[in-house]
Amino acid sequence: MPSPELQAALEAARAAAEVIGEYYQRNLEIRTKADQTPVTEADVRAEETIRTLLARRFPSHGFYGEETGQHALGAESVWLVDPIDGTKSFVRQCPFFSTQIALLRAGQLVLGVSSAPAYGEIAWAERGEGAYLNDRPIRVSATEALAASIVSTGNLKTLARSAQWPKLGALIGQVSRIRGYGDFLHYHLLARGALEVVIESDVNILDIAALVVIVREAGGTFTDLTGGEITLETTSVLASNGRLHAPVRAVLE
């Protein structure tokens, strides 16, 4: 039985999807934030919808949102929310955007919902309860050989400017296929066993918090590129089916 928090997060994601649907494939006004990323009325309204619902159910919880900022981050439980992760895809009328809702309790990510309404997928997980995609339980693949693995990358701009860039080339030469699905999609694919490794070098915690829980509950491993724990300051990702985590790290190091 889903916890009250998971039920509320799923309800909030579905409410946000209704809001987002009102704006999708419209000629929206786009503003540029201080970090040079785009934001639309859909982003703001969707986050307000999520925040209102969660605050009503759990008034003592903190909130950290992409658009409406931080509130009570010192609380025992804090919601981490990105109402439209992939706004650039959203405004270009591509279905590769999602709503990300996670719960951080006592410093640990314990719940995640990843809702991609235009793509037709919603994934969720709660610590100790397994991972699900469109109501079906999911599990990472059992692939153990790099030569049989599929690797997907996100935005590689940061990695391309670093000393690790040639090492990524060395990894690519050892795997079966390399793709760049990006955003929510490659994490959903990883969690359901359709690929083995995800590499990203330019993220923030709101992009990935929910997906951390989903991948781990599906049996995978989720760290930063150095193998470090995921924190509020994380900016890179190495996610895998677990079996290939150490071999990939060995090549990238």
Protein backbone atom coordinates (compact mmCIF):
# COMPACT_ATOMS: atom_id res chain seq x y z
CA MET A 1 0.00 0.00 0.00
CA PRO A 2 1.57 3.35 -1.00
CA SER A 3 2.34 5.67 1.87
CA PRO A 4 0.33 8.90 2.28
CA GLU A 5 3.38 10.79 0.97
CA LEU A 6 3.61 8.69 -2.18
CA GLN A 7 -0.12 8.97 -2.79
CA ALA A 8 0.13 12.75 -2.47
CA ALA A 9 3.17 12.94 -4.77
CA LEU A 10 1.38 10.91 -7.43
CA GLU A 11 -1.71 13.09 -7.10
CA ALA A 12 0.44 16.23 -7.36
CA ALA A 13 2.20 14.90 -10.47
CA ARG A 14 -1.13 14.19 -12.15
CA ALA A 15 -2.48 17.61 -11.22
CA ALA A 16 0.66 19.19 -12.67
CA ALA A 17 0.20 17.17 -15.86
CA GLU A 18 -3.23 18.74 -16.33
CA VAL A 19 -1.76 22.21 -15.94
CA ILE A 20 1.12 21.46 -18.30
CA GLY A 21 -1.28 20.02 -20.86
CA GLU A 22 -3.04 23.37 -21.09
CA TYR A 23 0.17 24.97 -22.31
CA TYR A 24 1.90 22.23 -24.30
CA GLN A 25 2.26 22.91 -28.04
CA ARG A 26 1.19 26.52 -27.57
CA ASN A 27 3.15 29.62 -28.53
CA LEU A 28 4.36 30.44 -25.01
CA GLU A 29 6.17 33.46 -23.72
CA ILE A 30 9.63 32.32 -22.63
CA ARG A 31 11.69 34.14 -20.01
CA THR A 32 15.36 33.53 -19.27
CA LYS A 33 16.38 33.05 -15.64
CA ALA A 34 19.63 34.24 -14.09
CA ASP A 35 21.23 30.86 -14.80
CA GLN A 36 20.36 31.30 -18.50
CA THR A 37 17.75 28.53 -18.49
CA PRO A 38 14.23 29.14 -19.85
CA VAL A 39 11.05 29.34 -17.81
CA THR A 40 7.42 29.60 -18.90
CA GLU A 41 4.08 30.21 -17.24
CA ALA A 42 3.56 26.44 -17.38
CA ASP A 43 6.62 25.85 -15.17
CA VAL A 44 5.44 28.32 -12.56
CA ARG A 45 1.80 27.26 -12.50
CA ALA A 46 2.66 23.56 -12.36
CA GLU A 47 4.99 24.11 -9.40
CA GLU A 48 2.40 26.23 -7.60
CA THR A 49 -0.12 23.42 -8.07
CA ILE A 50 2.28 20.84 -6.66
CA ARG A 51 3.35 23.04 -3.76
CA THR A 52 -0.23 23.90 -2.77
CA LEU A 53 -1.30 20.25 -2.70
CA LEU A 54 1.74 19.03 -0.76
CA ALA A 55 1.62 21.91 1.73
CA ARG A 56 -2.03 21.21 2.44
CA ARG A 57 -1.32 17.53 3.14
CA PHE A 58 1.99 18.00 4.96
CA PRO A 59 2.23 21.53 6.40
CA SER A 60 5.36 20.73 8.43
CA HIS A 61 7.39 19.63 5.40
CA GLY A 62 9.93 21.86 3.74
CA PHE A 63 9.89 22.63 0.02
CA TYR A 64 12.66 23.18 -2.54
CA GLY A 65 11.28 24.08 -5.95
CA GLU A 66 12.93 24.96 -9.24
CA GLU A 67 10.68 28.00 -9.72
CA THR A 68 9.31 29.10 -6.35
CA GLY A 69 12.42 28.61 -4.27
CA GLN A 70 13.19 27.14 -0.88
CA HIS A 71 11.09 26.98 2.26
CA ALA A 72 12.02 25.36 5.59
CA LEU A 73 14.96 23.34 4.24
CA GLY A 74 15.85 22.50 7.83
CA ALA A 75 12.67 20.47 8.27
CA GLU A 76 12.89 16.71 8.86
CA SER A 77 11.16 16.10 5.51
CA VAL A 78 11.67 18.27 2.42
CA TRP A 79 10.00 17.99 -0.99
CA LEU A 80 12.32 18.48 -3.98
CA VAL A 81 10.39 19.52 -7.09
CA ASP A 82 11.14 20.35 -10.70
CA PRO A 83 7.75 21.00 -12.34
CA ILE A 84 9.09 20.74 -15.90
CA ASP A 85 12.48 19.13 -16.16
CA GLY A 86 13.31 19.66 -19.82
CA THR A 87 11.74 23.06 -20.42
CA LYS A 88 13.84 23.44 -23.58
CA SER A 89 12.17 20.32 -24.99
CA PHE A 90 8.77 21.53 -23.76
CA VAL A 91 8.98 24.85 -25.61
CA ARG A 92 10.25 23.09 -28.77
CA GLN A 93 7.19 20.81 -28.59
CA CYS A 94 9.22 17.66 -27.98
CA PRO A 95 7.75 15.14 -25.50
CA PHE A 96 11.01 14.67 -23.59
CA PHE A 97 10.11 16.64 -20.47
CA SER A 98 8.84 15.52 -17.09
CA THR A 99 7.69 16.51 -13.63
CA GLN A 100 10.07 15.39 -10.89
CA ILE A 101 8.92 15.08 -7.27
CA ALA A 102 11.12 13.60 -4.53
CA LEU A 103 11.04 13.46 -0.75
CA LEU A 104 14.18 13.96 1.32
CA ARG A 105 13.78 12.68 4.89
CA ALA A 106 16.55 13.07 7.47
CA GLY A 107 18.98 13.70 4.63
CA GLN A 108 18.00 10.56 2.69
CA LEU A 109 16.05 10.38 -0.56
CA VAL A 110 13.14 8.07 0.23
CA LEU A 111 10.51 8.66 -2.47
CA GLY A 112 10.45 9.62 -6.12
CA VAL A 113 7.86 10.27 -8.82
CA SER A 114 8.89 10.92 -12.44
CA SER A 115 5.91 11.88 -14.60
CA ALA A 116 6.29 12.35 -18.36
CA PRO A 117 2.70 12.94 -19.54
CA ALA A 118 3.45 13.78 -23.18
CA TYR A 119 5.58 10.65 -23.47
CA GLY A 120 2.98 8.52 -21.70
CA GLU A 121 5.07 7.33 -18.74
CA ILE A 122 4.98 7.76 -15.01
CA ALA A 123 7.51 6.02 -12.79
CA TRP A 124 7.67 5.97 -9.02
CA ALA A 125 9.39 4.31 -6.12
CA GLU A 126 9.53 4.39 -2.36
CA ARG A 127 12.50 3.14 -0.35
CA GLY A 128 12.12 -0.55 0.39
CA GLU A 129 9.03 -0.95 -1.80
CA GLY A 130 10.44 -1.46 -5.32
CA ALA A 131 10.07 0.62 -8.48
CA TYR A 132 7.15 0.88 -10.87
CA LEU A 133 6.52 2.20 -14.37
CA ASN A 134 2.92 2.69 -15.48
CA ASP A 135 1.75 0.46 -12.59
CA ARG A 136 4.11 -2.41 -13.47
CA PRO A 137 7.12 -3.40 -11.33
CA ILE A 138 10.45 -2.81 -13.06
CA ARG A 139 14.00 -4.09 -12.62
CA VAL A 140 17.41 -3.22 -14.05
CA SER A 141 19.11 -5.60 -16.46
CA ALA A 142 21.42 -8.44 -15.46
CA THR A 143 24.07 -7.53 -18.06
CA GLU A 144 27.57 -7.98 -16.65
CA ALA A 145 29.87 -7.33 -19.64
CA LEU A 146 30.78 -3.86 -20.87
CA ALA A 147 30.89 -5.27 -24.40
CA ALA A 148 27.18 -6.10 -24.17
CA SER A 149 26.09 -2.86 -22.53
CA ILE A 150 24.22 0.20 -23.77
CA VAL A 151 25.31 3.59 -22.43
CA SER A 152 23.23 6.77 -22.61
CA THR A 153 24.53 10.28 -21.99
CA GLY A 154 22.93 13.58 -21.09
CA ASN A 155 24.38 17.04 -21.65
CA LEU A 156 28.14 16.52 -21.96
CA LYS A 157 29.23 20.17 -22.16
CA THR A 158 30.91 20.10 -18.75
CA LEU A 159 32.57 16.75 -19.37
CA ALA A 160 33.83 17.93 -22.76
CA ARG A 161 35.78 20.68 -21.00
CA SER A 162 37.30 18.34 -18.43
CA ALA A 163 40.20 15.92 -18.25
CA GLN A 164 37.70 13.05 -18.27
CA TRP A 165 36.64 13.65 -21.88
CA PRO A 166 39.23 11.29 -23.46
CA LYS A 167 38.25 8.67 -20.89
CA LEU A 168 34.66 8.78 -22.12
CA GLY A 169 36.03 7.99 -25.57
CA ALA A 170 37.84 4.99 -24.13
CA LEU A 171 34.58 3.80 -22.55
CA ILE A 172 32.63 4.22 -25.78
CA GLY A 173 35.11 1.97 -27.53
CA GLN A 174 34.36 -0.84 -25.08
CA VAL A 175 30.54 -0.87 -24.99
CA SER A 176 27.95 -2.23 -27.40
CA ARG A 177 26.07 0.99 -28.14
CA ILE A 178 26.15 4.63 -27.15
CA ARG A 179 23.03 6.80 -27.20
CA GLY A 180 21.97 10.18 -25.84
CA TYR A 181 18.41 9.72 -24.64
CA GLY A 182 18.81 12.30 -21.89
CA ASP A 183 16.43 13.81 -19.32
CA PHE A 184 14.01 11.42 -17.60
CA LEU A 185 14.02 8.94 -20.46
CA HIS A 186 17.33 7.19 -20.01
CA TYR A 187 16.67 6.70 -16.30
CA HIS A 188 13.31 5.09 -17.05
CA LEU A 189 15.07 2.87 -19.61
CA LEU A 190 17.80 1.98 -17.12
CA ALA A 191 15.31 1.14 -14.39
CA ARG A 192 13.31 -1.17 -16.66
CA GLY A 193 16.38 -2.97 -18.01
CA ALA A 194 16.54 -1.47 -21.51
CA LEU A 195 20.06 -0.05 -21.06
CA GLU A 196 22.83 -0.38 -18.49
CA VAL A 197 24.60 2.95 -17.86
CA VAL A 198 23.69 6.64 -17.72
CA ILE A 199 26.34 9.37 -17.66
CA GLU A 200 25.57 13.04 -17.09
CA SER A 201 27.87 15.94 -16.30
CA ASP A 202 25.62 18.99 -16.01
CA VAL A 203 22.68 18.43 -13.63
CA ASN A 204 21.27 19.71 -10.36
CA ILE A 205 19.61 17.76 -7.60
CA LEU A 206 16.08 18.70 -8.66
CA ASP A 207 16.69 17.05 -12.05
CA ILE A 208 17.64 13.70 -10.54
CA ALA A 209 16.38 13.32 -6.95
CA ALA A 210 13.26 11.31 -7.82
CA LEU A 211 15.19 9.24 -10.36
CA VAL A 212 17.79 8.30 -7.74
CA VAL A 213 15.10 6.54 -5.73
CA ILE A 214 13.55 4.90 -8.80
CA VAL A 215 16.84 3.52 -10.14
CA ARG A 216 17.98 2.27 -6.74
CA GLU A 217 14.65 0.60 -5.99
CA ALA A 218 14.85 -1.10 -9.40
CA GLY A 219 18.14 -2.66 -8.27
CA GLY A 220 20.56 -0.15 -9.77
CA THR A 221 23.36 2.02 -8.44
CA PHE A 222 23.29 5.82 -8.54
CA THR A 223 26.30 8.02 -7.67
CA ASP A 224 28.09 11.02 -9.07
CA LEU A 225 30.80 10.49 -11.68
CA THR A 226 33.46 10.02 -9.01
CA GLY A 227 31.42 7.38 -7.20
CA GLY A 228 30.37 9.83 -4.50
CA GLU A 229 27.00 9.93 -2.76
CA ILE A 230 24.19 12.05 -4.20
CA THR A 231 23.72 15.31 -2.25
CA LEU A 232 21.97 18.64 -2.76
CA GLU A 233 25.20 19.87 -4.39
CA THR A 234 25.58 17.01 -6.91
CA THR A 235 26.23 18.11 -10.50
CA SER A 236 27.16 14.85 -12.26
CA VAL A 237 25.77 11.32 -12.52
CA LEU A 238 26.94 7.78 -13.00
CA ALA A 239 23.91 5.49 -12.82
CA SER A 240 24.02 1.83 -13.72
CA ASN A 241 22.48 -1.58 -13.31
CA GLY A 242 24.94 -2.07 -10.44
CA ARG A 243 26.94 -4.86 -12.02
CA LEU A 244 28.68 -2.45 -14.38
CA HIS A 245 29.24 0.41 -11.97
CA ALA A 246 32.78 -0.51 -10.94
CA PRO A 247 33.92 -1.43 -14.49
CA VAL A 248 32.66 1.90 -15.86
CA ARG A 249 34.27 3.85 -13.03
CA ALA A 250 37.54 2.03 -13.65
CA VAL A 251 37.58 3.25 -17.26
CA LEU A 252 36.51 6.81 -16.41
CA GLU A 253 39.14 7.13 -13.70
